[in-house]
């Protein structure tokens, strides 16, 4: 058990109970799931013919407690594609077990979803990145996973995937190319980047020494989410595409007076959110 008394794992039957409840209450049968990061829940507002479920109404679903995460599941259509959007994700630092953080992903799989799009707000480690850039996630570094905080720990259920899933192709290369083409067409290639995302557990922002160490490891953006969901999605065989919105530049100089704040993160997402929404919407029309 975790310190909050939550289960460290779930049974196939529990995931299926949630999926069956949603299939009973929602008329849509989505093929694409979108997890919206901090301040990026506006993606779900673009859906038409919507069916909305507050997390509190969904069996076994966790609750989101962070500002910028609304806490509801939205079914609907976006640019001709049936989608389900999470307006608000779950984080390990909120006290959830890693199984609970990733709970929705296996539910999406049981709903019939085959593609997962993940978005997040992240700090820029690459000195060439600017605040407001959108980074396509090419790869990730799972630092909590190095310490054993991994949603695949424990008994494997072959109905979801194999015991030892490959992660060298975690982010679908065809989707990456399609996203680049779409960005070029809509005129946002100037602030589109590609890079390696690193997850830390949070909730504190990184020290100067930690940021310097992450750069040495090859990380180009850092955040507190996304990787556990991607791991479970790939275990289920879902295709994954990831976007990081660079909301601040990390501090790597001891003489710097800059300080990162969550309000700054949310303000930057408000500045760039329409571009990211348009990019995802246009991309969906090509899937």
C-alpha atoms as a PDB file:
ATOM      1  CA  UNK A   1       0.000   0.000   0.000  1.00  0.00           C
ATOM      2  CA  UNK A   2       1.077   3.598  -0.537  1.00  0.00           C
ATOM      3  CA  UNK A   3       1.270   6.153   2.251  1.00  0.00           C
ATOM      4  CA  UNK A   4      -2.152   7.435   1.185  1.00  0.00           C
ATOM      5  CA  UNK A   5      -3.684   3.983   1.496  1.00  0.00           C
ATOM      6  CA  UNK A   6      -4.194   3.558  -2.253  1.00  0.00           C
ATOM      7  CA  UNK A   7      -3.740   0.300  -4.093  1.00  0.00           C
ATOM      8  CA  UNK A   8      -0.319  -0.175  -5.686  1.00  0.00           C
ATOM      9  CA  UNK A   9      -1.862  -2.149  -8.550  1.00  0.00           C
ATOM     10  CA  UNK A  10      -5.179  -2.876 -10.227  1.00  0.00           C
ATOM     11  CA  UNK A  11      -6.741  -6.001 -11.659  1.00  0.00           C
ATOM     12  CA  UNK A  12      -7.833  -6.458 -15.254  1.00  0.00           C
ATOM     13  CA  UNK A  13     -11.402  -6.605 -13.971  1.00  0.00           C
ATOM     14  CA  UNK A  14     -11.109  -3.140 -12.368  1.00  0.00           C
ATOM     15  CA  UNK A  15      -9.811  -1.567 -15.575  1.00  0.00           C
ATOM     16  CA  UNK A  16     -12.599  -3.311 -17.496  1.00  0.00           C
ATOM     17  CA  UNK A  17     -15.252  -2.103 -15.047  1.00  0.00           C
ATOM     18  CA  UNK A  18     -14.210   1.486 -15.733  1.00  0.00           C
ATOM     19  CA  UNK A  19     -14.073   0.940 -19.497  1.00  0.00           C
ATOM     20  CA  UNK A  20     -17.459  -0.785 -19.555  1.00  0.00           C
ATOM     21  CA  UNK A  21     -19.007   2.070 -17.535  1.00  0.00           C
ATOM     22  CA  UNK A  22     -17.676   4.609 -20.032  1.00  0.00           C
ATOM     23  CA  UNK A  23     -18.814   2.543 -23.020  1.00  0.00           C
ATOM     24  CA  UNK A  24     -22.281   2.397 -21.492  1.00  0.00           C
ATOM     25  CA  UNK A  25     -22.492   6.143 -20.819  1.00  0.00           C
ATOM     26  CA  UNK A  26     -20.675   7.567 -23.869  1.00  0.00           C
ATOM     27  CA  UNK A  27     -21.930   7.182 -27.434  1.00  0.00           C
ATOM     28  CA  UNK A  28     -18.499   7.827 -28.966  1.00  0.00           C
ATOM     29  CA  UNK A  29     -15.955   5.076 -29.603  1.00  0.00           C
ATOM     30  CA  UNK A  30     -12.660   6.984 -29.679  1.00  0.00           C
ATOM     31  CA  UNK A  31      -9.516   5.831 -31.485  1.00  0.00           C
ATOM     32  CA  UNK A  32      -7.340   8.686 -30.182  1.00  0.00           C
ATOM     33  CA  UNK A  33      -6.744   9.662 -26.551  1.00  0.00           C
ATOM     34  CA  UNK A  34      -5.204  13.007 -25.582  1.00  0.00           C
ATOM     35  CA  UNK A  35      -3.717  13.716 -22.144  1.00  0.00           C
ATOM     36  CA  UNK A  36      -3.653  17.467 -21.525  1.00  0.00           C
ATOM     37  CA  UNK A  37      -0.832  18.940 -19.446  1.00  0.00           C
ATOM     38  CA  UNK A  38      -0.808  21.994 -17.182  1.00  0.00           C
ATOM     39  CA  UNK A  39      -2.885  24.774 -18.716  1.00  0.00           C
ATOM     40  CA  UNK A  40      -3.448  22.793 -21.926  1.00  0.00           C
ATOM     41  CA  UNK A  41      -6.940  21.502 -21.182  1.00  0.00           C
ATOM     42  CA  UNK A  42      -8.313  23.857 -23.842  1.00  0.00           C
ATOM     43  CA  UNK A  43      -7.670  21.105 -26.377  1.00  0.00           C
ATOM     44  CA  UNK A  44     -10.748  19.338 -25.058  1.00  0.00           C
ATOM     45  CA  UNK A  45     -12.822  22.502 -25.596  1.00  0.00           C
ATOM     46  CA  UNK A  46     -12.316  22.113 -29.352  1.00  0.00           C
ATOM     47  CA  UNK A  47     -14.226  18.830 -29.433  1.00  0.00           C
ATOM     48  CA  UNK A  48     -17.743  18.821 -30.874  1.00  0.00           C
ATOM     49  CA  UNK A  49     -20.653  16.522 -29.989  1.00  0.00           C
ATOM     50  CA  UNK A  50     -19.115  16.272 -26.527  1.00  0.00           C
ATOM     51  CA  UNK A  51     -19.902  13.967 -23.639  1.00  0.00           C
ATOM     52  CA  UNK A  52     -18.248  15.071 -20.383  1.00  0.00           C
ATOM     53  CA  UNK A  53     -17.606  13.004 -17.263  1.00  0.00           C
ATOM     54  CA  UNK A  54     -16.116  14.545 -14.100  1.00  0.00           C
ATOM     55  CA  UNK A  55     -13.480  12.183 -12.740  1.00  0.00           C
ATOM     56  CA  UNK A  56     -15.429  11.868  -9.495  1.00  0.00           C
ATOM     57  CA  UNK A  57     -18.259  10.100 -11.378  1.00  0.00           C
ATOM     58  CA  UNK A  58     -16.057   7.487 -13.083  1.00  0.00           C
ATOM     59  CA  UNK A  59     -15.490   4.197 -11.211  1.00  0.00           C
ATOM     60  CA  UNK A  60     -11.911   3.826  -9.865  1.00  0.00           C
ATOM     61  CA  UNK A  61     -10.745   7.099 -11.465  1.00  0.00           C
ATOM     62  CA  UNK A  62      -8.314   9.270  -9.463  1.00  0.00           C
ATOM     63  CA  UNK A  63      -8.908  12.959  -8.744  1.00  0.00           C
ATOM     64  CA  UNK A  64      -6.704  15.774 -10.057  1.00  0.00           C
ATOM     65  CA  UNK A  65      -5.668  18.362  -7.452  1.00  0.00           C
ATOM     66  CA  UNK A  66      -3.314  20.677  -9.370  1.00  0.00           C
ATOM     67  CA  UNK A  67      -4.198  24.150 -10.665  1.00  0.00           C
ATOM     68  CA  UNK A  68      -4.492  24.072 -14.457  1.00  0.00           C
ATOM     69  CA  UNK A  69      -5.973  20.540 -14.442  1.00  0.00           C
ATOM     70  CA  UNK A  70      -9.785  20.644 -14.614  1.00  0.00           C
ATOM     71  CA  UNK A  71     -10.452  17.005 -13.771  1.00  0.00           C
ATOM     72  CA  UNK A  72     -12.841  15.662 -16.389  1.00  0.00           C
ATOM     73  CA  UNK A  73     -12.890  13.187 -19.244  1.00  0.00           C
ATOM     74  CA  UNK A  74     -14.265  14.586 -22.504  1.00  0.00           C
ATOM     75  CA  UNK A  75     -15.445  12.416 -25.396  1.00  0.00           C
ATOM     76  CA  UNK A  76     -16.128  13.991 -28.782  1.00  0.00           C
ATOM     77  CA  UNK A  77     -14.976  14.628 -32.336  1.00  0.00           C
ATOM     78  CA  UNK A  78     -12.024  16.768 -33.401  1.00  0.00           C
ATOM     79  CA  UNK A  79     -11.393  17.389 -37.095  1.00  0.00           C
ATOM     80  CA  UNK A  80     -13.216  14.222 -38.068  1.00  0.00           C
ATOM     81  CA  UNK A  81     -11.556  11.957 -35.499  1.00  0.00           C
ATOM     82  CA  UNK A  82     -13.304  10.470 -32.478  1.00  0.00           C
ATOM     83  CA  UNK A  83     -11.262  11.368 -29.393  1.00  0.00           C
ATOM     84  CA  UNK A  84     -11.242  11.186 -25.644  1.00  0.00           C
ATOM     85  CA  UNK A  85      -9.417  13.972 -23.769  1.00  0.00           C
ATOM     86  CA  UNK A  86      -8.193  14.049 -20.210  1.00  0.00           C
ATOM     87  CA  UNK A  87      -8.621  17.605 -18.949  1.00  0.00           C
ATOM     88  CA  UNK A  88      -6.180  17.168 -16.128  1.00  0.00           C
ATOM     89  CA  UNK A  89      -3.714  14.362 -15.503  1.00  0.00           C
ATOM     90  CA  UNK A  90      -2.466  12.752 -12.304  1.00  0.00           C
ATOM     91  CA  UNK A  91       0.998  13.137 -10.819  1.00  0.00           C
ATOM     92  CA  UNK A  92       3.110  10.984  -8.527  1.00  0.00           C
ATOM     93  CA  UNK A  93       3.800  14.040  -6.331  1.00  0.00           C
ATOM     94  CA  UNK A  94       0.097  14.353  -5.505  1.00  0.00           C
ATOM     95  CA  UNK A  95       0.465  11.209  -3.405  1.00  0.00           C
ATOM     96  CA  UNK A  96      -0.957   8.799  -5.991  1.00  0.00           C
ATOM     97  CA  UNK A  97       0.653   5.431  -6.538  1.00  0.00           C
ATOM     98  CA  UNK A  98       2.271   5.068  -9.963  1.00  0.00           C
ATOM     99  CA  UNK A  99      -0.506   2.583 -10.818  1.00  0.00           C
ATOM    100  CA  UNK A 100      -3.096   5.273 -10.163  1.00  0.00           C
ATOM    101  CA  UNK A 101      -1.163   7.906 -12.127  1.00  0.00           C
ATOM    102  CA  UNK A 102      -1.326   5.668 -15.194  1.00  0.00           C
ATOM    103  CA  UNK A 103      -4.750   4.131 -14.580  1.00  0.00           C
ATOM    104  CA  UNK A 104      -6.528   5.867 -17.514  1.00  0.00           C
ATOM    105  CA  UNK A 105      -4.112   4.502 -20.144  1.00  0.00           C
ATOM    106  CA  UNK A 106      -5.224   0.888 -19.834  1.00  0.00           C
ATOM    107  CA  UNK A 107      -8.821   2.074 -19.723  1.00  0.00           C
ATOM    108  CA  UNK A 108      -8.243   3.845 -23.050  1.00  0.00           C
ATOM    109  CA  UNK A 109      -6.814   0.636 -24.485  1.00  0.00           C
ATOM    110  CA  UNK A 110      -9.932  -1.280 -23.436  1.00  0.00           C
ATOM    111  CA  UNK A 111     -12.090   1.441 -25.031  1.00  0.00           C
ATOM    112  CA  UNK A 112     -10.434   0.675 -28.378  1.00  0.00           C
ATOM    113  CA  UNK A 113      -7.976   3.578 -28.510  1.00  0.00           C
ATOM    114  CA  UNK A 114      -4.908   2.900 -30.672  1.00  0.00           C
ATOM    115  CA  UNK A 115      -3.101   6.274 -30.531  1.00  0.00           C
ATOM    116  CA  UNK A 116      -2.121   8.337 -27.475  1.00  0.00           C
ATOM    117  CA  UNK A 117      -1.125  12.009 -27.694  1.00  0.00           C
ATOM    118  CA  UNK A 118       0.521  13.373 -24.548  1.00  0.00           C
ATOM    119  CA  UNK A 119       1.188  17.032 -23.790  1.00  0.00           C
ATOM    120  CA  UNK A 120       3.003  18.704 -20.924  1.00  0.00           C
ATOM    121  CA  UNK A 121       4.530  21.937 -19.718  1.00  0.00           C
ATOM    122  CA  UNK A 122       8.295  21.617 -19.329  1.00  0.00           C
ATOM    123  CA  UNK A 123      11.426  23.539 -18.461  1.00  0.00           C
ATOM    124  CA  UNK A 124      13.909  24.032 -21.279  1.00  0.00           C
ATOM    125  CA  UNK A 125      17.343  22.490 -20.692  1.00  0.00           C
ATOM    126  CA  UNK A 126      18.633  22.929 -24.235  1.00  0.00           C
ATOM    127  CA  UNK A 127      20.123  26.441 -24.369  1.00  0.00           C
ATOM    128  CA  UNK A 128      18.850  26.807 -27.953  1.00  0.00           C
ATOM    129  CA  UNK A 129      15.229  26.451 -26.817  1.00  0.00           C
ATOM    130  CA  UNK A 130      13.166  29.564 -26.149  1.00  0.00           C
ATOM    131  CA  UNK A 131      10.202  30.057 -23.856  1.00  0.00           C
ATOM    132  CA  UNK A 132       7.108  29.320 -25.930  1.00  0.00           C
ATOM    133  CA  UNK A 133       8.775  26.706 -28.131  1.00  0.00           C
ATOM    134  CA  UNK A 134       6.902  23.465 -28.745  1.00  0.00           C
ATOM    135  CA  UNK A 135       9.152  20.410 -28.468  1.00  0.00           C
ATOM    136  CA  UNK A 136       8.238  17.169 -30.166  1.00  0.00           C
ATOM    137  CA  UNK A 137       9.346  14.446 -27.773  1.00  0.00           C
ATOM    138  CA  UNK A 138      11.791  12.203 -29.648  1.00  0.00           C
ATOM    139  CA  UNK A 139      12.779  10.144 -26.605  1.00  0.00           C
ATOM    140  CA  UNK A 140      12.689  10.268 -22.806  1.00  0.00           C
ATOM    141  CA  UNK A 141      14.745   9.607 -19.703  1.00  0.00           C
ATOM    142  CA  UNK A 142      12.764   7.890 -16.968  1.00  0.00           C
ATOM    143  CA  UNK A 143      14.629   8.902 -13.811  1.00  0.00           C
ATOM    144  CA  UNK A 144      11.920   7.668 -11.382  1.00  0.00           C
ATOM    145  CA  UNK A 145      12.076   4.382 -13.289  1.00  0.00           C
ATOM    146  CA  UNK A 146      15.777   4.144 -12.472  1.00  0.00           C
ATOM    147  CA  UNK A 147      14.693   4.039  -8.812  1.00  0.00           C
ATOM    148  CA  UNK A 148      12.052   1.375  -9.433  1.00  0.00           C
ATOM    149  CA  UNK A 149       9.020   3.686  -9.652  1.00  0.00           C
ATOM    150  CA  UNK A 150       7.573   2.012 -12.725  1.00  0.00           C
ATOM    151  CA  UNK A 151       3.953   1.142 -13.585  1.00  0.00           C
ATOM    152  CA  UNK A 152       5.090  -2.204 -15.017  1.00  0.00           C
ATOM    153  CA  UNK A 153       6.560  -3.449 -11.731  1.00  0.00           C
ATOM    154  CA  UNK A 154       4.683  -6.379 -10.270  1.00  0.00           C
ATOM    155  CA  UNK A 155       2.875  -9.263 -11.913  1.00  0.00           C
ATOM    156  CA  UNK A 156       2.457  -8.856 -15.684  1.00  0.00           C
ATOM    157  CA  UNK A 157      -0.963  -9.319 -17.296  1.00  0.00           C
ATOM    158  CA  UNK A 158      -0.444 -10.671 -20.805  1.00  0.00           C
ATOM    159  CA  UNK A 159      -3.861  -9.316 -21.821  1.00  0.00           C
ATOM    160  CA  UNK A 160      -2.275  -5.841 -21.813  1.00  0.00           C
ATOM    161  CA  UNK A 161       1.217  -6.626 -23.109  1.00  0.00           C
ATOM    162  CA  UNK A 162       4.428  -8.623 -22.842  1.00  0.00           C
ATOM    163  CA  UNK A 163       6.595  -8.816 -19.732  1.00  0.00           C
ATOM    164  CA  UNK A 164       9.532  -6.972 -21.335  1.00  0.00           C
ATOM    165  CA  UNK A 165       8.285  -4.260 -23.724  1.00  0.00           C
ATOM    166  CA  UNK A 166      10.716  -2.470 -26.037  1.00  0.00           C
ATOM    167  CA  UNK A 167      11.133   1.287 -25.449  1.00  0.00           C
ATOM    168  CA  UNK A 168      13.614   2.197 -28.189  1.00  0.00           C
ATOM    169  CA  UNK A 169      10.612   3.161 -30.336  1.00  0.00           C
ATOM    170  CA  UNK A 170       8.527   4.726 -27.560  1.00  0.00           C
ATOM    171  CA  UNK A 171       7.542   7.732 -29.707  1.00  0.00           C
ATOM    172  CA  UNK A 172       6.132   6.807 -33.103  1.00  0.00           C
ATOM    173  CA  UNK A 173       8.429   7.986 -35.889  1.00  0.00           C
ATOM    174  CA  UNK A 174       5.678   8.256 -38.488  1.00  0.00           C
ATOM    175  CA  UNK A 175       3.657  10.483 -36.155  1.00  0.00           C
ATOM    176  CA  UNK A 176       6.749  12.614 -35.494  1.00  0.00           C
ATOM    177  CA  UNK A 177       7.215  13.157 -39.236  1.00  0.00           C
ATOM    178  CA  UNK A 178       3.534  13.945 -39.662  1.00  0.00           C
ATOM    179  CA  UNK A 179       3.688  16.496 -36.825  1.00  0.00           C
ATOM    180  CA  UNK A 180       6.690  18.194 -38.429  1.00  0.00           C
ATOM    181  CA  UNK A 181       4.922  18.383 -41.796  1.00  0.00           C
ATOM    182  CA  UNK A 182       1.797  19.780 -40.148  1.00  0.00           C
ATOM    183  CA  UNK A 183       3.802  22.425 -38.267  1.00  0.00           C
ATOM    184  CA  UNK A 184       5.474  23.482 -41.499  1.00  0.00           C
ATOM    185  CA  UNK A 185       2.122  23.839 -43.247  1.00  0.00           C
ATOM    186  CA  UNK A 186       0.560  25.969 -40.517  1.00  0.00           C
ATOM    187  CA  UNK A 187       3.604  28.220 -40.185  1.00  0.00           C
ATOM    188  CA  UNK A 188       4.801  27.295 -36.713  1.00  0.00           C
ATOM    189  CA  UNK A 189       7.989  25.459 -37.707  1.00  0.00           C
ATOM    190  CA  UNK A 190      10.016  28.426 -36.412  1.00  0.00           C
ATOM    191  CA  UNK A 191       9.197  27.525 -32.818  1.00  0.00           C
ATOM    192  CA  UNK A 192       8.957  23.737 -33.232  1.00  0.00           C
ATOM    193  CA  UNK A 193      11.810  21.737 -31.727  1.00  0.00           C
ATOM    194  CA  UNK A 194      12.629  18.061 -31.215  1.00  0.00           C
ATOM    195  CA  UNK A 195      14.288  16.702 -28.138  1.00  0.00           C
ATOM    196  CA  UNK A 196      14.635  14.365 -25.182  1.00  0.00           C
ATOM    197  CA  UNK A 197      12.243  14.814 -22.261  1.00  0.00           C
ATOM    198  CA  UNK A 198      13.292  13.876 -18.730  1.00  0.00           C
ATOM    199  CA  UNK A 199      10.837  13.179 -15.939  1.00  0.00           C
ATOM    200  CA  UNK A 200      11.552  13.942 -12.283  1.00  0.00           C
ATOM    201  CA  UNK A 201       9.113  13.120  -9.497  1.00  0.00           C
ATOM    202  CA  UNK A 202       8.628  16.730  -8.267  1.00  0.00           C
ATOM    203  CA  UNK A 203       6.892  18.725  -6.911  1.00  0.00           C
ATOM    204  CA  UNK A 204       9.886  21.028  -6.372  1.00  0.00           C
ATOM    205  CA  UNK A 205      11.658  22.540  -9.345  1.00  0.00           C
ATOM    206  CA  UNK A 206      15.244  21.496 -10.010  1.00  0.00           C
ATOM    207  CA  UNK A 207      18.409  22.788  -8.375  1.00  0.00           C
ATOM    208  CA  UNK A 208      21.205  24.283 -10.464  1.00  0.00           C
ATOM    209  CA  UNK A 209      23.330  21.142  -9.945  1.00  0.00           C
ATOM    210  CA  UNK A 210      20.457  18.886 -10.963  1.00  0.00           C
ATOM    211  CA  UNK A 211      19.866  20.870 -14.168  1.00  0.00           C
ATOM    212  CA  UNK A 212      23.545  20.643 -15.039  1.00  0.00           C
ATOM    213  CA  UNK A 213      23.483  16.878 -14.433  1.00  0.00           C
ATOM    214  CA  UNK A 214      20.394  16.442 -16.626  1.00  0.00           C
ATOM    215  CA  UNK A 215      22.109  18.256 -19.486  1.00  0.00           C
ATOM    216  CA  UNK A 216      25.067  15.872 -19.208  1.00  0.00           C
ATOM    217  CA  UNK A 217      22.615  12.948 -19.428  1.00  0.00           C
ATOM    218  CA  UNK A 218      21.263  14.360 -22.697  1.00  0.00           C
ATOM    219  CA  UNK A 219      17.942  15.766 -21.487  1.00  0.00           C
ATOM    220  CA  UNK A 220      16.624  18.805 -23.358  1.00  0.00           C
ATOM    221  CA  UNK A 221      13.426  19.424 -21.404  1.00  0.00           C
ATOM    222  CA  UNK A 222      12.372  18.459 -17.889  1.00  0.00           C
ATOM    223  CA  UNK A 223       8.983  17.971 -16.251  1.00  0.00           C
ATOM    224  CA  UNK A 224       7.049  15.978 -13.672  1.00  0.00           C
ATOM    225  CA  UNK A 225       4.751  13.776 -15.775  1.00  0.00           C
ATOM    226  CA  UNK A 226       4.163  11.974 -19.083  1.00  0.00           C
ATOM    227  CA  UNK A 227       6.744   9.172 -18.973  1.00  0.00           C
ATOM    228  CA  UNK A 228       4.721   6.691 -16.849  1.00  0.00           C
ATOM    229  CA  UNK A 229       1.728   7.081 -19.186  1.00  0.00           C
ATOM    230  CA  UNK A 230       3.947   6.550 -22.227  1.00  0.00           C
ATOM    231  CA  UNK A 231       5.486   3.406 -20.709  1.00  0.00           C
ATOM    232  CA  UNK A 232       2.065   1.878 -20.088  1.00  0.00           C
ATOM    233  CA  UNK A 233       0.771   2.960 -23.513  1.00  0.00           C
ATOM    234  CA  UNK A 234       3.665   1.247 -25.280  1.00  0.00           C
ATOM    235  CA  UNK A 235       3.148  -1.838 -23.116  1.00  0.00           C
ATOM    236  CA  UNK A 236      -0.398  -1.952 -24.527  1.00  0.00           C
ATOM    237  CA  UNK A 237       0.845  -1.433 -28.088  1.00  0.00           C
ATOM    238  CA  UNK A 238      -0.523   2.101 -28.518  1.00  0.00           C
ATOM    239  CA  UNK A 239       1.223   4.524 -30.868  1.00  0.00           C
ATOM    240  CA  UNK A 240       2.463   7.584 -28.958  1.00  0.00           C
ATOM    241  CA  UNK A 241       3.126  11.190 -29.919  1.00  0.00           C
ATOM    242  CA  UNK A 242       4.330  13.695 -27.328  1.00  0.00           C
ATOM    243  CA  UNK A 243       4.534  17.484 -27.128  1.00  0.00           C
ATOM    244  CA  UNK A 244       6.314  19.560 -24.481  1.00  0.00           C
ATOM    245  CA  UNK A 245       5.508  23.261 -24.292  1.00  0.00           C
ATOM    246  CA  UNK A 246       8.666  25.017 -23.069  1.00  0.00           C
ATOM    247  CA  UNK A 247       7.280  27.331 -20.395  1.00  0.00           C
ATOM    248  CA  UNK A 248      10.541  28.450 -18.771  1.00  0.00           C
ATOM    249  CA  UNK A 249      14.297  28.129 -19.165  1.00  0.00           C
ATOM    250  CA  UNK A 250      15.916  26.206 -16.326  1.00  0.00           C
ATOM    251  CA  UNK A 251      18.489  27.929 -14.142  1.00  0.00           C
ATOM    252  CA  UNK A 252      22.040  26.616 -14.592  1.00  0.00           C
ATOM    253  CA  UNK A 253      23.972  29.619 -13.267  1.00  0.00           C
ATOM    254  CA  UNK A 254      24.464  30.191  -9.536  1.00  0.00           C
ATOM    255  CA  UNK A 255      24.613  33.937 -10.154  1.00  0.00           C
ATOM    256  CA  UNK A 256      21.171  33.987 -11.793  1.00  0.00           C
ATOM    257  CA  UNK A 257      18.294  35.677  -9.936  1.00  0.00           C
ATOM    258  CA  UNK A 258      15.594  33.917 -12.017  1.00  0.00           C
ATOM    259  CA  UNK A 259      13.082  31.780 -10.143  1.00  0.00           C
ATOM    260  CA  UNK A 260      10.573  29.361 -11.667  1.00  0.00           C
ATOM    261  CA  UNK A 261       6.945  29.469 -10.501  1.00  0.00           C
ATOM    262  CA  UNK A 262       3.816  27.518 -11.426  1.00  0.00           C
ATOM    263  CA  UNK A 263       2.067  30.802 -12.275  1.00  0.00           C
ATOM    264  CA  UNK A 264       4.793  31.515 -14.829  1.00  0.00           C
ATOM    265  CA  UNK A 265       4.238  28.079 -16.337  1.00  0.00           C
ATOM    266  CA  UNK A 266       0.489  28.649 -16.673  1.00  0.00           C
ATOM    267  CA  UNK A 267       0.972  32.132 -18.156  1.00  0.00           C
ATOM    268  CA  UNK A 268       3.305  30.812 -20.858  1.00  0.00           C
ATOM    269  CA  UNK A 269       0.872  28.037 -21.771  1.00  0.00           C
ATOM    270  CA  UNK A 270      -1.844  30.658 -22.221  1.00  0.00           C
ATOM    271  CA  UNK A 271       0.418  32.474 -24.693  1.00  0.00           C
ATOM    272  CA  UNK A 272       1.102  29.446 -26.897  1.00  0.00           C
ATOM    273  CA  UNK A 273      -1.849  27.162 -26.258  1.00  0.00           C
ATOM    274  CA  UNK A 274      -3.759  28.125 -29.427  1.00  0.00           C
ATOM    275  CA  UNK A 275      -0.794  27.198 -31.611  1.00  0.00           C
ATOM    276  CA  UNK A 276      -0.504  23.801 -29.949  1.00  0.00           C
ATOM    277  CA  UNK A 277      -4.257  23.232 -30.174  1.00  0.00           C
ATOM    278  CA  UNK A 278      -4.217  24.038 -33.884  1.00  0.00           C
ATOM    279  CA  UNK A 279      -1.228  21.758 -34.447  1.00  0.00           C
ATOM    280  CA  UNK A 280      -2.907  18.796 -32.740  1.00  0.00           C
ATOM    281  CA  UNK A 281      -6.217  19.460 -34.494  1.00  0.00           C
ATOM    282  CA  UNK A 282      -4.624  19.662 -37.950  1.00  0.00           C
ATOM    283  CA  UNK A 283      -2.551  16.582 -37.223  1.00  0.00           C
ATOM    284  CA  UNK A 284      -5.640  14.560 -36.315  1.00  0.00           C
ATOM    285  CA  UNK A 285      -7.207  15.304 -39.686  1.00  0.00           C
ATOM    286  CA  UNK A 286      -4.292  13.440 -41.312  1.00  0.00           C
ATOM    287  CA  UNK A 287      -4.322  10.314 -39.176  1.00  0.00           C
END
